[in-house]
Amino acid sequence: MTEHSSPEQIKKYEKNTFVFLAVFLAPILSIIIVGGFGFMIWISQMLFGPPTS
């Protein structure tokens, strides 16, 4: 935002940013993180075998 933005423009920008983060970015990142961790475990078990007790 520029230094000459009105408070209404700033509030609209902040609301749009929050909606983007909450609705799009957080779910996509959580899917990527959980999926990547599961993929890493799957590959490690293919290479080293399943965990034994």
PDB file of N, CA and C in Angstrom:
ATOM      1  N   MET A   1       0.851  -1.175   0.000  1.00  0.00           N
ATOM      2  CA  MET A   1       0.000   0.000   0.000  1.00  0.00           C
ATOM      3  C   MET A   1       0.897   1.239   0.000  1.00  0.00           C
ATOM      4  N   THR A   2       0.375   2.291  -0.538  1.00  0.00           N
ATOM      5  CA  THR A   2       1.129   3.533  -0.557  1.00  0.00           C
ATOM      6  C   THR A   2       0.868   4.321   0.722  1.00  0.00           C
ATOM      7  N   GLU A   3       1.672   5.309   0.944  1.00  0.00           N
ATOM      8  CA  GLU A   3       1.509   6.099   2.163  1.00  0.00           C
ATOM      9  C   GLU A   3       0.296   7.016   2.100  1.00  0.00           C
ATOM     10  N   HIS A   4      -0.324   7.161   0.931  1.00  0.00           N
ATOM     11  CA  HIS A   4      -1.485   8.025   0.772  1.00  0.00           C
ATOM     12  C   HIS A   4      -2.786   7.229   0.713  1.00  0.00           C
ATOM     13  N   SER A   5      -2.766   5.966   1.113  1.00  0.00           N
ATOM     14  CA  SER A   5      -3.976   5.140   1.084  1.00  0.00           C
ATOM     15  C   SER A   5      -4.911   5.557   2.210  1.00  0.00           C
ATOM     16  N   SER A   6      -6.191   5.503   1.913  1.00  0.00           N
ATOM     17  CA  SER A   6      -7.177   5.847   2.931  1.00  0.00           C
ATOM     18  C   SER A   6      -7.360   4.659   3.878  1.00  0.00           C
ATOM     19  N   PRO A   7      -7.873   4.917   5.076  1.00  0.00           N
ATOM     20  CA  PRO A   7      -8.111   3.812   6.019  1.00  0.00           C
ATOM     21  C   PRO A   7      -9.056   2.747   5.463  1.00  0.00           C
ATOM     22  N   GLU A   8     -10.014   3.154   4.637  1.00  0.00           N
ATOM     23  CA  GLU A   8     -10.934   2.175   4.048  1.00  0.00           C
ATOM     24  C   GLU A   8     -10.198   1.239   3.099  1.00  0.00           C
ATOM     25  N   GLN A   9      -9.278   1.781   2.321  1.00  0.00           N
ATOM     26  CA  GLN A   9      -8.502   0.957   1.404  1.00  0.00           C
ATOM     27  C   GLN A   9      -7.596  -0.012   2.172  1.00  0.00           C
ATOM     28  N   ILE A  10      -7.029   0.480   3.263  1.00  0.00           N
ATOM     29  CA  ILE A  10      -6.147  -0.367   4.060  1.00  0.00           C
ATOM     30  C   ILE A  10      -6.943  -1.508   4.688  1.00  0.00           C
ATOM     31  N   LYS A  11      -8.123  -1.210   5.224  1.00  0.00           N
ATOM     32  CA  LYS A  11      -8.958  -2.257   5.824  1.00  0.00           C
ATOM     33  C   LYS A  11      -9.380  -3.288   4.785  1.00  0.00           C
ATOM     34  N   LYS A  12      -9.726  -2.836   3.581  1.00  0.00           N
ATOM     35  CA  LYS A  12     -10.109  -3.762   2.517  1.00  0.00           C
ATOM     36  C   LYS A  12      -8.927  -4.647   2.136  1.00  0.00           C
ATOM     37  N   TYR A  13      -7.740  -4.057   2.028  1.00  0.00           N
ATOM     38  CA  TYR A  13      -6.540  -4.814   1.702  1.00  0.00           C
ATOM     39  C   TYR A  13      -6.246  -5.855   2.784  1.00  0.00           C
ATOM     40  N   GLU A  14      -6.355  -5.464   4.052  1.00  0.00           N
ATOM     41  CA  GLU A  14      -6.097  -6.393   5.151  1.00  0.00           C
ATOM     42  C   GLU A  14      -7.121  -7.520   5.170  1.00  0.00           C
ATOM     43  N   LYS A  15      -8.394  -7.207   4.902  1.00  0.00           N
ATOM     44  CA  LYS A  15      -9.429  -8.244   4.865  1.00  0.00           C
ATOM     45  C   LYS A  15      -9.170  -9.222   3.728  1.00  0.00           C
ATOM     46  N   ASN A  16      -8.842  -8.711   2.553  1.00  0.00           N
ATOM     47  CA  ASN A  16      -8.545  -9.593   1.425  1.00  0.00           C
ATOM     48  C   ASN A  16      -7.328 -10.466   1.699  1.00  0.00           C
ATOM     49  N   THR A  17      -6.315  -9.896   2.331  1.00  0.00           N
ATOM     50  CA  THR A  17      -5.127 -10.667   2.678  1.00  0.00           C
ATOM     51  C   THR A  17      -5.461 -11.769   3.675  1.00  0.00           C
ATOM     52  N   PHE A  18      -6.260 -11.462   4.683  1.00  0.00           N
ATOM     53  CA  PHE A  18      -6.654 -12.464   5.667  1.00  0.00           C
ATOM     54  C   PHE A  18      -7.453 -13.588   5.023  1.00  0.00           C
ATOM     55  N   VAL A  19      -8.402 -13.241   4.158  1.00  0.00           N
ATOM     56  CA  VAL A  19      -9.211 -14.263   3.490  1.00  0.00           C
ATOM     57  C   VAL A  19      -8.317 -15.156   2.641  1.00  0.00           C
ATOM     58  N   PHE A  20      -7.377 -14.574   1.924  1.00  0.00           N
ATOM     59  CA  PHE A  20      -6.460 -15.374   1.113  1.00  0.00           C
ATOM     60  C   PHE A  20      -5.653 -16.329   1.983  1.00  0.00           C
ATOM     61  N   LEU A  21      -5.118 -15.819   3.098  1.00  0.00           N
ATOM     62  CA  LEU A  21      -4.310 -16.666   3.969  1.00  0.00           C
ATOM     63  C   LEU A  21      -5.147 -17.760   4.625  1.00  0.00           C
ATOM     64  N   ALA A  22      -6.321 -17.413   5.117  1.00  0.00           N
ATOM     65  CA  ALA A  22      -7.135 -18.363   5.870  1.00  0.00           C
ATOM     66  C   ALA A  22      -7.819 -19.388   4.976  1.00  0.00           C
ATOM     67  N   VAL A  23      -8.277 -18.973   3.792  1.00  0.00           N
ATOM     68  CA  VAL A  23      -9.071 -19.853   2.944  1.00  0.00           C
ATOM     69  C   VAL A  23      -8.199 -20.636   1.968  1.00  0.00           C
ATOM     70  N   PHE A  24      -7.135 -20.032   1.464  1.00  0.00           N
ATOM     71  CA  PHE A  24      -6.339 -20.683   0.431  1.00  0.00           C
ATOM     72  C   PHE A  24      -4.983 -21.165   0.929  1.00  0.00           C
ATOM     73  N   LEU A  25      -4.187 -20.278   1.484  1.00  0.00           N
ATOM     74  CA  LEU A  25      -2.800 -20.614   1.770  1.00  0.00           C
ATOM     75  C   LEU A  25      -2.653 -21.624   2.903  1.00  0.00           C
ATOM     76  N   ALA A  26      -3.362 -21.450   4.006  1.00  0.00           N
ATOM     77  CA  ALA A  26      -3.213 -22.370   5.145  1.00  0.00           C
ATOM     78  C   ALA A  26      -3.620 -23.800   4.786  1.00  0.00           C
ATOM     79  N   PRO A  27      -4.783 -24.035   4.146  1.00  0.00           N
ATOM     80  CA  PRO A  27      -5.117 -25.414   3.787  1.00  0.00           C
ATOM     81  C   PRO A  27      -4.147 -26.033   2.779  1.00  0.00           C
ATOM     82  N   ILE A  28      -3.709 -25.252   1.809  1.00  0.00           N
ATOM     83  CA  ILE A  28      -2.780 -25.788   0.811  1.00  0.00           C
ATOM     84  C   ILE A  28      -1.455 -26.150   1.468  1.00  0.00           C
ATOM     85  N   LEU A  29      -0.946 -25.279   2.335  1.00  0.00           N
ATOM     86  CA  LEU A  29       0.314 -25.580   3.022  1.00  0.00           C
ATOM     87  C   LEU A  29       0.185 -26.792   3.934  1.00  0.00           C
ATOM     88  N   SER A  30      -0.938 -26.927   4.628  1.00  0.00           N
ATOM     89  CA  SER A  30      -1.096 -28.084   5.513  1.00  0.00           C
ATOM     90  C   SER A  30      -1.147 -29.382   4.718  1.00  0.00           C
ATOM     91  N   ILE A  31      -1.805 -29.374   3.566  1.00  0.00           N
ATOM     92  CA  ILE A  31      -1.845 -30.567   2.722  1.00  0.00           C
ATOM     93  C   ILE A  31      -0.452 -30.908   2.215  1.00  0.00           C
ATOM     94  N   ILE A  32       0.300 -29.903   1.803  1.00  0.00           N
ATOM     95  CA  ILE A  32       1.651 -30.135   1.298  1.00  0.00           C
ATOM     96  C   ILE A  32       2.552 -30.680   2.403  1.00  0.00           C
ATOM     97  N   ILE A  33       2.466 -30.117   3.606  1.00  0.00           N
ATOM     98  CA  ILE A  33       3.335 -30.552   4.708  1.00  0.00           C
ATOM     99  C   ILE A  33       3.005 -31.976   5.132  1.00  0.00           C
ATOM    100  N   VAL A  34       1.725 -32.271   5.341  1.00  0.00           N
ATOM    101  CA  VAL A  34       1.327 -33.609   5.782  1.00  0.00           C
ATOM    102  C   VAL A  34       1.608 -34.634   4.681  1.00  0.00           C
ATOM    103  N   GLY A  35       1.289 -34.283   3.440  1.00  0.00           N
ATOM    104  CA  GLY A  35       1.553 -35.193   2.330  1.00  0.00           C
ATOM    105  C   GLY A  35       3.036 -35.441   2.140  1.00  0.00           C
ATOM    106  N   GLY A  36       3.837 -34.406   2.265  1.00  0.00           N
ATOM    107  CA  GLY A  36       5.290 -34.557   2.135  1.00  0.00           C
ATOM    108  C   GLY A  36       5.868 -35.427   3.230  1.00  0.00           C
ATOM    109  N   PHE A  37       5.376 -35.277   4.441  1.00  0.00           N
ATOM    110  CA  PHE A  37       5.853 -36.112   5.547  1.00  0.00           C
ATOM    111  C   PHE A  37       5.479 -37.575   5.313  1.00  0.00           C
ATOM    112  N   GLY A  38       4.243 -37.824   4.886  1.00  0.00           N
ATOM    113  CA  GLY A  38       3.828 -39.192   4.596  1.00  0.00           C
ATOM    114  C   GLY A  38       4.622 -39.797   3.460  1.00  0.00           C
ATOM    115  N   PHE A  39       4.881 -39.002   2.421  1.00  0.00           N
ATOM    116  CA  PHE A  39       5.686 -39.485   1.296  1.00  0.00           C
ATOM    117  C   PHE A  39       7.095 -39.813   1.748  1.00  0.00           C
ATOM    118  N   MET A  40       7.669 -38.985   2.614  1.00  0.00           N
ATOM    119  CA  MET A  40       9.013 -39.233   3.131  1.00  0.00           C
ATOM    120  C   MET A  40       9.062 -40.540   3.921  1.00  0.00           C
ATOM    121  N   ILE A  41       8.061 -40.794   4.750  1.00  0.00           N
ATOM    122  CA  ILE A  41       8.017 -42.040   5.509  1.00  0.00           C
ATOM    123  C   ILE A  41       7.847 -43.233   4.577  1.00  0.00           C
ATOM    124  N   TRP A  42       6.982 -43.110   3.572  1.00  0.00           N
ATOM    125  CA  TRP A  42       6.749 -44.186   2.611  1.00  0.00           C
ATOM    126  C   TRP A  42       8.044 -44.553   1.873  1.00  0.00           C
ATOM    127  N   ILE A  43       8.768 -43.553   1.397  1.00  0.00           N
ATOM    128  CA  ILE A  43      10.030 -43.799   0.679  1.00  0.00           C
ATOM    129  C   ILE A  43      11.058 -44.419   1.616  1.00  0.00           C
ATOM    130  N   SER A  44      11.136 -43.917   2.859  1.00  0.00           N
ATOM    131  CA  SER A  44      12.121 -44.480   3.790  1.00  0.00           C
ATOM    132  C   SER A  44      11.803 -45.935   4.118  1.00  0.00           C
ATOM    133  N   GLN A  45      10.529 -46.298   4.178  1.00  0.00           N
ATOM    134  CA  GLN A  45      10.166 -47.686   4.441  1.00  0.00           C
ATOM    135  C   GLN A  45      10.444 -48.561   3.226  1.00  0.00           C
ATOM    136  N   MET A  46      10.341 -48.032   2.023  1.00  0.00           N
ATOM    137  CA  MET A  46      10.709 -48.809   0.849  1.00  0.00           C
ATOM    138  C   MET A  46      12.215 -49.067   0.821  1.00  0.00           C
ATOM    139  N   LEU A  47      13.010 -48.104   1.283  1.00  0.00           N
ATOM    140  CA  LEU A  47      14.460 -48.252   1.252  1.00  0.00           C
ATOM    141  C   LEU A  47      14.983 -49.083   2.422  1.00  0.00           C
ATOM    142  N   PHE A  48      14.469 -48.850   3.618  1.00  0.00           N
ATOM    143  CA  PHE A  48      15.029 -49.466   4.823  1.00  0.00           C
ATOM    144  C   PHE A  48      14.135 -50.539   5.425  1.00  0.00           C
ATOM    145  N   GLY A  49      12.962 -50.764   4.883  1.00  0.00           N
ATOM    146  CA  GLY A  49      12.041 -51.758   5.422  1.00  0.00           C
ATOM    147  C   GLY A  49      11.158 -51.152   6.490  1.00  0.00           C
ATOM    148  N   PRO A  50      10.093 -51.876   6.834  1.00  0.00           N
ATOM    149  CA  PRO A  50       9.187 -51.352   7.854  1.00  0.00           C
ATOM    150  C   PRO A  50       9.827 -51.376   9.250  1.00  0.00           C
ATOM    151  N   PRO A  51       9.336 -50.549  10.141  1.00  0.00           N
ATOM    152  CA  PRO A  51       9.875 -50.553  11.496  1.00  0.00           C
ATOM    153  C   PRO A  51       9.563 -51.880  12.195  1.00  0.00           C
ATOM    154  N   THR A  52      10.523 -52.341  12.938  1.00  0.00           N
ATOM    155  CA  THR A  52      10.317 -53.609  13.666  1.00  0.00           C
ATOM    156  C   THR A  52      10.252 -53.331  15.162  1.00  0.00           C
ATOM    157  N   SER A  53       9.581 -54.222  15.865  1.00  0.00           N
ATOM    158  CA  SER A  53       9.458 -54.008  17.311  1.00  0.00           C
ATOM    159  C   SER A  53      10.466 -54.820  18.081  1.00  0.00           C
TER     160      SER A  53
END
